Amino acid sequence: MSLRSRGQELPSIVVPPPGPRSRELAARAVAVESPAFEERRTSRTSRSGTDQAPIVYARGEGSNVHDVDGNRYVDLTAGFGALVLGYGPNPATTAARAALDDLTLALGDVYASEVKVRALEALAGLHPEPGARVLLGLSGADAVTAALKTAALATTKPRVLAFEGAYHGLSHGPLAACGFAPSFREPFAAQLGIDVTFAPYPDEQAGDLDRSLASVRAALGAGDVGAVLVEPMLGRGGCVVPPDGFLPELRALCTEAGALLVADEVWTGMGRSGALIASRAAGVVADVVCLGKGLGGGIPVSACIGRGDVMAAWGAHGGATVHTGTHFGSPAACAALLATLGAIADGGLTSRATEEGARFRASLAAALGERRVRGRGLMVGVVLADAAEALAVSRRMLARGHVVLTGGPRGDVLTLSPPLTIASELLDDAVQALGEIVRV
């Protein structure tokens, strides 16, 4: 990727962000949006000592996003990791636009579109075992909801085992299994109705695999766990990579206990972590795989892909038990999905994520210190002293034209998930900026 390409340009800040137009629009949003978001910004401003007022996006192209004040940024977040091909125009946006011209909406699970049939076939083909079946959705939370329902039907065991630090979405089913922040879950605990046990998520840098697996064994020992829900690598939880033996051991324990292994690949999948399916790259076949975020290249679509014998439970109720929605499997979403899969394959983007990600992490480690940097592929975490420093650094990066996010349960990690197509020069420029901002 070259800086000569449109959408692969260095930052250009003409007005210190947020500029006057961003501030005006943000104030209008505050007046009508849920107050949670402004309260969060106010809290972050107080904690970090830096203004956390938002910029407002106007347009994007490739790895660049432009705000309403005329500033050009390099987007190192790519829509929470969803824009694996970058901003349009790209194969996903082009395919979605053409599909909309042909057919705005089919009739869901009653009368499918032709492109939905092809999308289902492509998704089923991602599972290594023949006979896999698919449930479509709009978001990663939809896919996890479908997976939890599948486990309940297939095993008749109600309990779920999840992991501390993991984020699976905020719909009621996934929220019950959200180990990221108790504050997300606790106000709604009486409504959730799912019995979830949380085990510690092991970190390859911490040497805590045995403690994690002991907790898993203890939870599975009761015999009533139907699903073990796991991210092959924590995403919002701070880009934590587990030890190599973690997923294979988890697979073996699930098989022994008669529980389904559900791999939440919403963030790690679609090449983000250097593989189309990260659990497969780890040598593990999950019973159910959840995909989202990058699946549509930024167009909302998700999928729950399960082994044939597991998904057969959906057909054991005479069609009376279903999981569907008006916009699940829309023509535009399915066209984007197919185009994204094709672009990842044709562009060798999984290999590029592996190679470029390794180079990026090595450069960050050289600039910031090896212990600060973790991740896999183009899913990278930079660990800072605390949340206050992370928020302050993110704002200083924004002032220099780089969009980054904070993550981790303590908010002390910069989570970097740029497009898989980002130019190497843009990553190098970001490393230089971080090195100048962060005190080693």
Protein backbone atom coordinates (compact mmCIF):
# COMPACT_ATOMS: atom_id res chain seq x y z
CA MET A 1 0.00 0.00 0.00
CA SER A 2 1.38 3.39 -0.96
CA LEU A 3 0.83 6.96 0.13
CA ARG A 4 0.25 7.73 -3.54
CA SER A 5 -3.13 6.01 -3.19
CA ARG A 6 -6.22 8.03 -2.37
CA GLY A 7 -7.39 7.28 1.13
CA GLN A 8 -3.84 6.48 2.26
CA GLU A 9 -2.72 10.00 3.11
CA LEU A 10 -0.96 11.39 6.16
CA PRO A 11 -2.98 13.47 8.63
CA SER A 12 -3.81 17.09 7.87
CA ILE A 13 -5.06 19.19 10.79
CA VAL A 14 -6.31 22.62 9.73
CA VAL A 15 -8.37 23.39 12.86
CA PRO A 16 -7.44 22.05 16.33
CA PRO A 17 -9.97 19.28 17.01
CA PRO A 18 -12.74 19.43 17.88
CA GLY A 19 -13.36 22.40 15.63
CA PRO A 20 -16.34 24.78 15.84
CA ARG A 21 -18.58 22.79 13.49
CA SER A 22 -17.90 19.57 15.44
CA ARG A 23 -18.69 21.33 18.71
CA GLU A 24 -21.94 22.72 17.30
CA LEU A 25 -23.13 19.34 16.03
CA ALA A 26 -22.02 17.57 19.21
CA ALA A 27 -24.08 20.00 21.27
CA ARG A 28 -27.12 19.26 19.14
CA ALA A 29 -26.57 15.52 19.63
CA VAL A 30 -26.25 15.95 23.40
CA ALA A 31 -29.69 17.57 23.49
CA VAL A 32 -31.43 14.54 22.00
CA GLU A 33 -29.20 11.49 22.55
CA SER A 34 -29.09 9.22 25.60
CA PRO A 35 -27.38 11.18 28.39
CA ALA A 36 -25.10 8.22 29.10
CA PHE A 37 -22.65 9.24 26.38
CA GLU A 38 -22.20 12.85 27.47
CA GLU A 39 -21.89 11.77 31.10
CA ARG A 40 -19.17 9.34 30.05
CA ARG A 41 -17.32 12.14 28.25
CA THR A 42 -17.65 14.40 31.28
CA SER A 43 -16.26 11.68 33.54
CA ARG A 44 -13.37 11.03 31.17
CA THR A 45 -12.55 14.73 30.98
CA SER A 46 -12.39 14.92 34.75
CA ARG A 47 -10.32 11.75 35.04
CA SER A 48 -7.77 12.58 32.35
CA GLY A 49 -7.54 16.36 32.64
CA THR A 50 -8.02 16.60 28.86
CA ASP A 51 -11.02 17.76 26.87
CA GLN A 52 -12.92 14.67 25.64
CA ALA A 53 -15.38 16.57 23.43
CA PRO A 54 -15.98 14.60 20.22
CA ILE A 55 -15.18 15.37 16.64
CA VAL A 56 -17.96 14.71 14.11
CA TYR A 57 -17.21 12.67 11.00
CA ALA A 58 -18.10 13.94 7.53
CA ARG A 59 -16.68 11.36 5.11
CA GLY A 60 -14.12 8.61 4.80
CA GLU A 61 -11.97 7.00 2.15
CA GLY A 62 -9.53 4.13 2.56
CA SER A 63 -7.68 4.62 5.84
CA ASN A 64 -8.62 8.29 6.14
CA VAL A 65 -11.60 9.90 7.80
CA HIS A 66 -12.45 13.61 7.50
CA ASP A 67 -14.34 15.64 10.08
CA VAL A 68 -16.86 18.42 9.48
CA ASP A 69 -14.16 21.05 10.13
CA GLY A 70 -11.96 19.90 7.25
CA ASN A 71 -9.41 17.86 9.23
CA ARG A 72 -8.09 14.63 7.75
CA TYR A 73 -7.21 11.79 10.12
CA VAL A 74 -5.65 8.36 9.85
CA ASP A 75 -8.22 5.99 11.34
CA LEU A 76 -6.48 3.43 13.54
CA THR A 77 -9.80 2.10 14.83
CA ALA A 78 -11.67 1.41 11.56
CA GLY A 79 -15.17 1.43 13.01
CA PHE A 80 -14.26 -0.65 16.08
CA GLY A 81 -12.38 -2.98 13.72
CA ALA A 82 -15.30 -3.49 11.32
CA LEU A 83 -13.86 -1.64 8.32
CA VAL A 84 -11.40 -4.35 7.32
CA LEU A 85 -11.33 -2.96 3.76
CA GLY A 86 -11.29 0.64 4.93
CA TYR A 87 -13.86 3.26 4.01
CA GLY A 88 -15.46 3.05 0.59
CA PRO A 89 -15.53 2.93 -2.25
CA ASN A 90 -14.40 -0.68 -1.98
CA PRO A 91 -15.78 -4.06 -3.07
CA ALA A 92 -18.17 -4.29 -0.09
CA THR A 93 -19.75 -0.85 -0.54
CA THR A 94 -19.95 -1.27 -4.32
CA ALA A 95 -21.66 -4.66 -4.00
CA ALA A 96 -24.10 -3.39 -1.36
CA ARG A 97 -25.07 -0.40 -3.50
CA ALA A 98 -25.70 -2.60 -6.54
CA ALA A 99 -27.75 -5.06 -4.48
CA LEU A 100 -29.93 -2.23 -3.16
CA ASP A 101 -30.66 -1.14 -6.72
CA ASP A 102 -31.80 -4.68 -7.56
CA LEU A 103 -33.75 -5.57 -4.40
CA THR A 104 -34.09 -3.45 -1.26
CA LEU A 105 -35.42 -6.25 0.95
CA ALA A 106 -36.50 -9.86 0.55
CA LEU A 107 -38.87 -11.61 2.97
CA GLY A 108 -36.44 -12.85 5.58
CA ASP A 109 -36.74 -16.55 6.32
CA VAL A 110 -39.95 -16.87 4.27
CA TYR A 111 -38.73 -15.90 0.77
CA ALA A 112 -34.98 -15.48 0.50
CA SER A 113 -33.03 -13.55 -2.09
CA GLU A 114 -30.63 -15.33 -4.41
CA VAL A 115 -27.68 -13.47 -2.90
CA LYS A 116 -28.68 -14.66 0.58
CA VAL A 117 -28.50 -18.27 -0.58
CA ARG A 118 -24.98 -17.71 -1.88
CA ALA A 119 -23.97 -15.97 1.33
CA LEU A 120 -25.26 -18.86 3.45
CA GLU A 121 -23.32 -21.34 1.31
CA ALA A 122 -20.13 -19.31 1.66
CA LEU A 123 -20.51 -19.04 5.42
CA ALA A 124 -21.26 -22.73 5.90
CA GLY A 125 -18.10 -23.43 3.92
CA LEU A 126 -16.02 -21.59 6.50
CA HIS A 127 -16.70 -24.34 9.05
CA PRO A 128 -14.25 -27.25 8.61
CA GLU A 129 -16.91 -29.92 9.10
CA PRO A 130 -19.45 -30.66 6.33
CA GLY A 131 -23.09 -29.97 6.99
CA ALA A 132 -22.66 -26.71 8.93
CA ARG A 133 -25.71 -24.46 9.23
CA VAL A 134 -26.00 -20.69 9.59
CA LEU A 135 -28.14 -18.11 11.38
CA LEU A 136 -27.74 -14.54 10.11
CA GLY A 137 -28.07 -11.31 12.08
CA LEU A 138 -27.11 -7.65 11.96
CA SER A 139 -24.60 -7.32 14.81
CA GLY A 140 -22.09 -9.37 16.73
CA ALA A 141 -24.51 -9.36 19.66
CA ASP A 142 -27.11 -10.94 17.36
CA ALA A 143 -24.67 -13.73 16.50
CA VAL A 144 -23.83 -14.37 20.15
CA THR A 145 -27.53 -14.38 21.04
CA ALA A 146 -28.12 -17.00 18.35
CA ALA A 147 -25.21 -19.06 19.67
CA LEU A 148 -26.50 -19.00 23.26
CA LYS A 149 -29.95 -20.03 22.07
CA THR A 150 -28.38 -22.82 20.00
CA ALA A 151 -26.51 -24.14 23.03
CA ALA A 152 -29.67 -24.15 25.13
CA LEU A 153 -31.53 -26.13 22.47
CA ALA A 154 -28.72 -28.55 21.67
CA THR A 155 -27.62 -29.38 25.22
CA THR A 156 -30.71 -28.53 27.33
CA LYS A 157 -28.16 -27.20 29.86
CA PRO A 158 -28.96 -23.65 30.95
CA ARG A 159 -25.68 -22.37 32.39
CA VAL A 160 -22.99 -20.49 30.47
CA LEU A 161 -19.30 -20.19 31.23
CA ALA A 162 -17.70 -16.95 30.04
CA PHE A 163 -14.51 -15.07 30.83
CA GLU A 164 -13.50 -11.99 32.76
CA GLY A 165 -12.56 -9.10 30.50
CA ALA A 166 -14.56 -10.45 27.54
CA TYR A 167 -17.04 -8.32 25.64
CA HIS A 168 -19.83 -10.04 23.68
CA GLY A 169 -22.28 -7.17 23.10
CA LEU A 170 -24.92 -5.45 25.18
CA SER A 171 -28.15 -7.13 24.08
CA HIS A 172 -29.68 -9.01 27.00
CA GLY A 173 -28.33 -12.49 26.19
CA PRO A 174 -24.73 -11.41 25.47
CA LEU A 175 -24.88 -8.87 28.30
CA ALA A 176 -25.36 -11.65 30.82
CA ALA A 177 -22.06 -13.13 29.62
CA CYS A 178 -20.24 -9.80 29.36
CA GLY A 179 -17.24 -9.96 31.68
CA PHE A 180 -15.82 -6.66 30.48
CA ALA A 181 -17.41 -4.30 32.99
CA PRO A 182 -19.83 -5.23 35.79
CA SER A 183 -21.38 -1.75 35.47
CA PHE A 184 -22.70 -2.73 32.04
CA ARG A 185 -24.40 -5.82 33.46
CA GLU A 186 -25.40 -5.24 37.06
CA PRO A 187 -28.24 -2.69 36.62
CA PHE A 188 -30.07 -5.20 34.42
CA ALA A 189 -29.21 -8.40 36.29
CA ALA A 190 -32.81 -9.06 37.32
CA GLN A 191 -33.88 -9.02 33.66
CA LEU A 192 -31.14 -11.20 32.20
CA GLY A 193 -32.22 -14.62 33.40
CA ILE A 194 -29.09 -16.48 32.32
CA ASP A 195 -26.88 -18.20 34.90
CA VAL A 196 -23.31 -17.29 33.95
CA THR A 197 -20.05 -18.19 35.67
CA PHE A 198 -16.94 -16.16 34.86
CA ALA A 199 -13.45 -17.65 34.71
CA PRO A 200 -10.23 -15.61 34.49
CA TYR A 201 -8.96 -15.12 30.94
CA PRO A 202 -5.31 -16.18 30.68
CA ASP A 203 -2.66 -13.80 29.34
CA GLU A 204 0.40 -15.22 27.57
CA GLN A 205 2.48 -12.51 29.29
CA ALA A 206 1.22 -13.41 32.78
CA GLY A 207 1.71 -17.17 32.93
CA ASP A 208 -1.72 -17.73 34.45
CA LEU A 209 -3.01 -20.54 32.22
CA ASP A 210 -3.27 -23.12 35.02
CA ARG A 211 -5.38 -20.82 37.19
CA SER A 212 -7.76 -20.15 34.32
CA LEU A 213 -8.17 -23.81 33.37
CA ALA A 214 -8.69 -24.82 36.99
CA SER A 215 -11.58 -22.37 37.18
CA VAL A 216 -13.03 -23.77 33.94
CA ARG A 217 -12.80 -27.35 35.23
CA ALA A 218 -14.54 -26.39 38.45
CA ALA A 219 -17.41 -24.72 36.60
CA LEU A 220 -17.83 -27.60 34.15
CA GLY A 221 -17.72 -30.14 36.95
CA ALA A 222 -21.30 -29.38 37.97
CA GLY A 223 -22.49 -30.81 34.64
CA ASP A 224 -25.01 -28.08 33.85
CA VAL A 225 -22.96 -25.79 31.59
CA GLY A 226 -24.28 -25.85 28.02
CA ALA A 227 -21.98 -23.26 26.46
CA VAL A 228 -18.44 -22.05 26.99
CA LEU A 229 -18.26 -18.65 25.32
CA VAL A 230 -14.76 -17.44 24.51
CA GLU A 231 -12.94 -14.86 22.43
CA PRO A 232 -9.83 -16.43 20.85
CA MET A 233 -8.17 -13.15 21.83
CA LEU A 234 -9.76 -10.42 23.92
CA GLY A 235 -10.72 -7.47 21.74
CA ARG A 236 -12.32 -4.63 23.68
CA GLY A 237 -10.81 -6.31 26.73
CA GLY A 238 -7.42 -4.95 25.69
CA CYS A 239 -6.07 -7.17 22.87
CA VAL A 240 -5.01 -9.88 25.31
CA VAL A 241 -3.47 -12.94 23.62
CA PRO A 242 -3.90 -16.21 25.56
CA PRO A 243 -1.17 -18.87 25.81
CA ASP A 244 -0.96 -21.27 22.85
CA GLY A 245 -2.42 -24.18 24.82
CA PHE A 246 -5.51 -22.36 26.04
CA LEU A 247 -7.99 -22.97 23.22
CA PRO A 248 -7.01 -26.64 22.65
CA GLU A 249 -7.36 -27.32 26.40
CA LEU A 250 -10.70 -25.54 26.42
CA ARG A 251 -11.85 -27.65 23.47
CA ALA A 252 -10.92 -30.85 25.29
CA LEU A 253 -12.68 -29.79 28.49
CA CYS A 254 -15.86 -28.89 26.60
CA THR A 255 -15.90 -32.24 24.83
CA GLU A 256 -15.42 -34.07 28.12
CA ALA A 257 -18.21 -32.12 29.84
CA GLY A 258 -20.71 -32.18 26.97
CA ALA A 259 -20.69 -28.39 26.61
CA LEU A 260 -20.55 -26.49 23.35
CA LEU A 261 -17.44 -24.44 22.63
CA VAL A 262 -18.67 -21.13 21.20
CA ALA A 263 -15.94 -19.00 19.60
CA ASP A 264 -16.83 -15.32 19.54
CA GLU A 265 -14.86 -14.29 16.45
CA VAL A 266 -16.71 -11.02 15.99
CA TRP A 267 -13.45 -9.09 16.39
CA THR A 268 -10.77 -11.73 15.75
CA GLY A 269 -12.34 -13.12 12.57
CA MET A 270 -12.25 -11.95 8.96
CA GLY A 271 -8.48 -11.55 8.91
CA ARG A 272 -8.27 -9.04 11.76
CA SER A 273 -6.01 -11.28 13.89
CA GLY A 274 -4.21 -12.72 10.87
CA ALA A 275 -6.66 -15.55 10.11
CA LEU A 276 -10.14 -15.79 8.66
CA ILE A 277 -11.15 -17.83 11.73
CA ALA A 278 -8.71 -17.39 14.62
CA SER A 279 -9.81 -20.51 16.50
CA ARG A 280 -9.10 -22.63 13.43
CA ALA A 281 -5.64 -21.08 13.18
CA ALA A 282 -5.12 -22.22 16.79
CA GLY A 283 -5.95 -25.79 15.72
CA VAL A 284 -9.40 -25.83 17.30
CA VAL A 285 -12.79 -26.61 15.77
CA ALA A 286 -15.44 -24.75 17.72
CA ASP A 287 -18.97 -26.13 17.80
CA VAL A 288 -20.31 -22.67 17.02
CA VAL A 289 -18.51 -19.66 15.51
CA CYS A 290 -19.83 -16.09 15.75
CA LEU A 291 -18.80 -13.58 13.09
CA GLY A 292 -19.64 -9.88 12.80
CA LYS A 293 -17.84 -6.51 12.55
CA GLY A 294 -15.65 -7.07 9.47
CA LEU A 295 -17.95 -9.68 7.94
CA GLY A 296 -19.68 -7.06 5.78
CA GLY A 297 -16.76 -4.70 5.46
CA GLY A 298 -18.68 -2.16 7.54
CA ILE A 299 -22.18 -3.05 6.27
CA PRO A 300 -24.21 -4.49 9.22
CA VAL A 301 -24.30 -8.29 9.02
CA SER A 302 -23.35 -11.12 11.36
CA ALA A 303 -23.46 -14.90 11.40
CA CYS A 304 -23.72 -17.77 13.85
CA ILE A 305 -22.20 -20.83 12.15
CA GLY A 306 -22.66 -24.18 13.84
CA ARG A 307 -21.90 -27.84 13.30
CA GLY A 308 -24.71 -29.68 11.57
CA ASP A 309 -25.54 -31.96 14.50
CA VAL A 310 -25.61 -29.00 16.88
CA MET A 311 -27.81 -26.84 14.67
CA ALA A 312 -30.15 -29.77 14.11
CA ALA A 313 -31.70 -28.86 17.46
CA TRP A 314 -33.41 -25.92 15.73
CA GLY A 315 -35.36 -28.36 13.59
CA ALA A 316 -36.49 -30.54 16.48
CA HIS A 317 -39.47 -28.32 17.32
CA GLY A 318 -41.43 -28.62 14.12
CA GLY A 319 -40.47 -25.12 13.05
CA ALA A 320 -42.14 -23.57 16.08
CA THR A 321 -38.83 -22.31 17.49
CA VAL A 322 -37.03 -19.83 15.23
CA HIS A 323 -34.53 -16.97 15.48
CA THR A 324 -34.99 -14.31 12.83
CA GLY A 325 -35.52 -10.59 12.18
CA THR A 326 -36.87 -8.35 9.43
CA HIS A 327 -33.46 -7.24 8.17
CA PHE A 328 -31.50 -10.43 8.84
CA GLY A 329 -29.93 -11.55 5.57
CA SER A 330 -30.88 -8.44 3.61
CA PRO A 331 -29.67 -8.42 -0.02
CA ALA A 332 -27.28 -5.51 0.52
CA ALA A 333 -25.73 -7.13 3.61
CA CYS A 334 -25.30 -10.49 1.91
CA ALA A 335 -23.75 -8.90 -1.17
CA ALA A 336 -21.31 -6.98 1.03
CA LEU A 337 -20.47 -10.17 2.93
CA LEU A 338 -19.61 -12.06 -0.26
CA ALA A 339 -17.59 -9.14 -1.61
CA THR A 340 -15.65 -8.83 1.63
CA LEU A 341 -14.78 -12.52 1.68
CA GLY A 342 -13.65 -12.23 -1.94
CA ALA A 343 -11.56 -9.11 -1.31
CA ILE A 344 -9.84 -10.68 1.70
CA ALA A 345 -8.96 -13.76 -0.35
CA ASP A 346 -7.97 -11.92 -3.52
CA GLY A 347 -5.90 -9.35 -1.67
CA GLY A 348 -4.15 -11.82 0.61
CA LEU A 349 -5.29 -9.69 3.51
CA THR A 350 -5.01 -12.35 6.20
CA SER A 351 -1.32 -12.76 5.35
CA ARG A 352 -0.91 -9.01 5.13
CA ALA A 353 -2.47 -8.58 8.59
CA THR A 354 -0.02 -11.14 9.98
CA GLU A 355 3.04 -9.61 8.37
CA GLU A 356 2.14 -5.92 8.70
CA GLY A 357 0.86 -6.50 12.22
CA ALA A 358 4.13 -8.14 13.29
CA ARG A 359 6.11 -5.24 11.80
CA PHE A 360 3.80 -2.69 13.45
CA ARG A 361 4.06 -4.32 16.88
CA ALA A 362 7.85 -4.58 16.58
CA SER A 363 8.07 -0.87 15.74
CA LEU A 364 5.80 0.01 18.66
CA ALA A 365 7.84 -2.18 21.00
CA ALA A 366 11.05 -0.46 19.87
CA ALA A 367 9.50 2.96 20.49
CA LEU A 368 7.55 2.25 23.68
CA GLY A 369 9.03 -0.85 25.28
CA GLU A 370 8.19 -4.48 24.60
CA ARG A 371 6.01 -5.00 27.67
CA ARG A 372 3.65 -2.25 26.57
CA VAL A 373 2.70 -3.91 23.28
CA ARG A 374 0.51 -6.95 22.69
CA GLY A 375 -1.81 -8.39 20.10
CA ARG A 376 -1.87 -10.42 16.94
CA GLY A 377 -2.34 -9.41 13.33
CA LEU A 378 -3.72 -5.88 13.01
CA MET A 379 -5.38 -6.13 16.41
CA VAL A 380 -2.92 -4.35 18.66
CA GLY A 381 -2.97 -3.11 22.24
CA VAL A 382 -0.65 -0.53 23.81
CA VAL A 383 -0.69 -0.73 27.62
CA LEU A 384 -0.33 2.54 29.48
CA ALA A 385 -0.05 3.40 33.16
CA ASP A 386 -3.75 3.89 33.79
CA ALA A 387 -6.99 5.08 32.24
CA ALA A 388 -6.12 8.74 32.75
CA GLU A 389 -2.93 8.41 30.73
CA ALA A 390 -4.67 6.36 28.03
CA LEU A 391 -7.38 8.99 27.61
CA ALA A 392 -4.83 11.81 27.55
CA VAL A 393 -2.69 10.01 24.98
CA SER A 394 -5.71 9.29 22.79
CA ARG A 395 -6.54 13.02 22.71
CA ARG A 396 -2.99 14.00 21.90
CA MET A 397 -3.03 11.48 19.08
CA LEU A 398 -6.30 12.99 17.83
CA ALA A 399 -4.72 16.45 17.87
CA ARG A 400 -1.99 15.07 15.60
CA GLY A 401 -4.51 13.45 13.29
CA HIS A 402 -4.71 9.84 14.49
CA VAL A 403 -7.99 8.28 15.67
CA VAL A 404 -7.43 5.72 18.45
CA LEU A 405 -9.61 4.20 21.17
CA THR A 406 -9.03 3.17 24.75
CA GLY A 407 -9.96 -0.30 25.96
CA GLY A 408 -9.31 -2.93 28.59
CA PRO A 409 -11.44 -3.39 31.73
CA ARG A 410 -9.40 -0.67 33.44
CA GLY A 411 -9.38 1.59 30.39
CA ASP A 412 -5.57 1.62 30.32
CA VAL A 413 -5.01 0.20 26.83
CA LEU A 414 -4.98 1.88 23.44
CA THR A 415 -6.74 -0.55 21.09
CA LEU A 416 -5.54 -0.21 17.50
CA SER A 417 -7.50 -1.98 14.75
CA PRO A 418 -6.80 -0.19 11.46
CA PRO A 419 -8.05 -1.34 8.05
CA LEU A 420 -6.22 -4.42 6.77
CA THR A 421 -5.43 -2.32 3.70
CA ILE A 422 -3.68 0.51 5.57
CA ALA A 423 -0.43 1.80 4.07
CA SER A 424 2.74 0.87 5.94
CA GLU A 425 3.79 4.52 5.92
CA LEU A 426 0.69 5.47 7.90
CA LEU A 427 1.48 2.93 10.59
CA ASP A 428 5.06 4.18 10.74
CA ASP A 429 3.80 7.74 11.20
CA ALA A 430 1.52 6.61 14.02
CA VAL A 431 4.42 4.86 15.76
CA GLN A 432 6.48 8.04 15.56
CA ALA A 433 3.61 10.08 17.01
CA LEU A 434 3.03 7.64 19.87
CA GLY A 435 6.72 7.48 20.63
CA GLU A 436 6.86 11.27 20.95
CA ILE A 437 3.68 11.43 23.09
CA VAL A 438 4.17 8.49 25.46
CA ARG A 439 6.89 8.62 28.09
CA VAL A 440 8.86 5.40 27.95
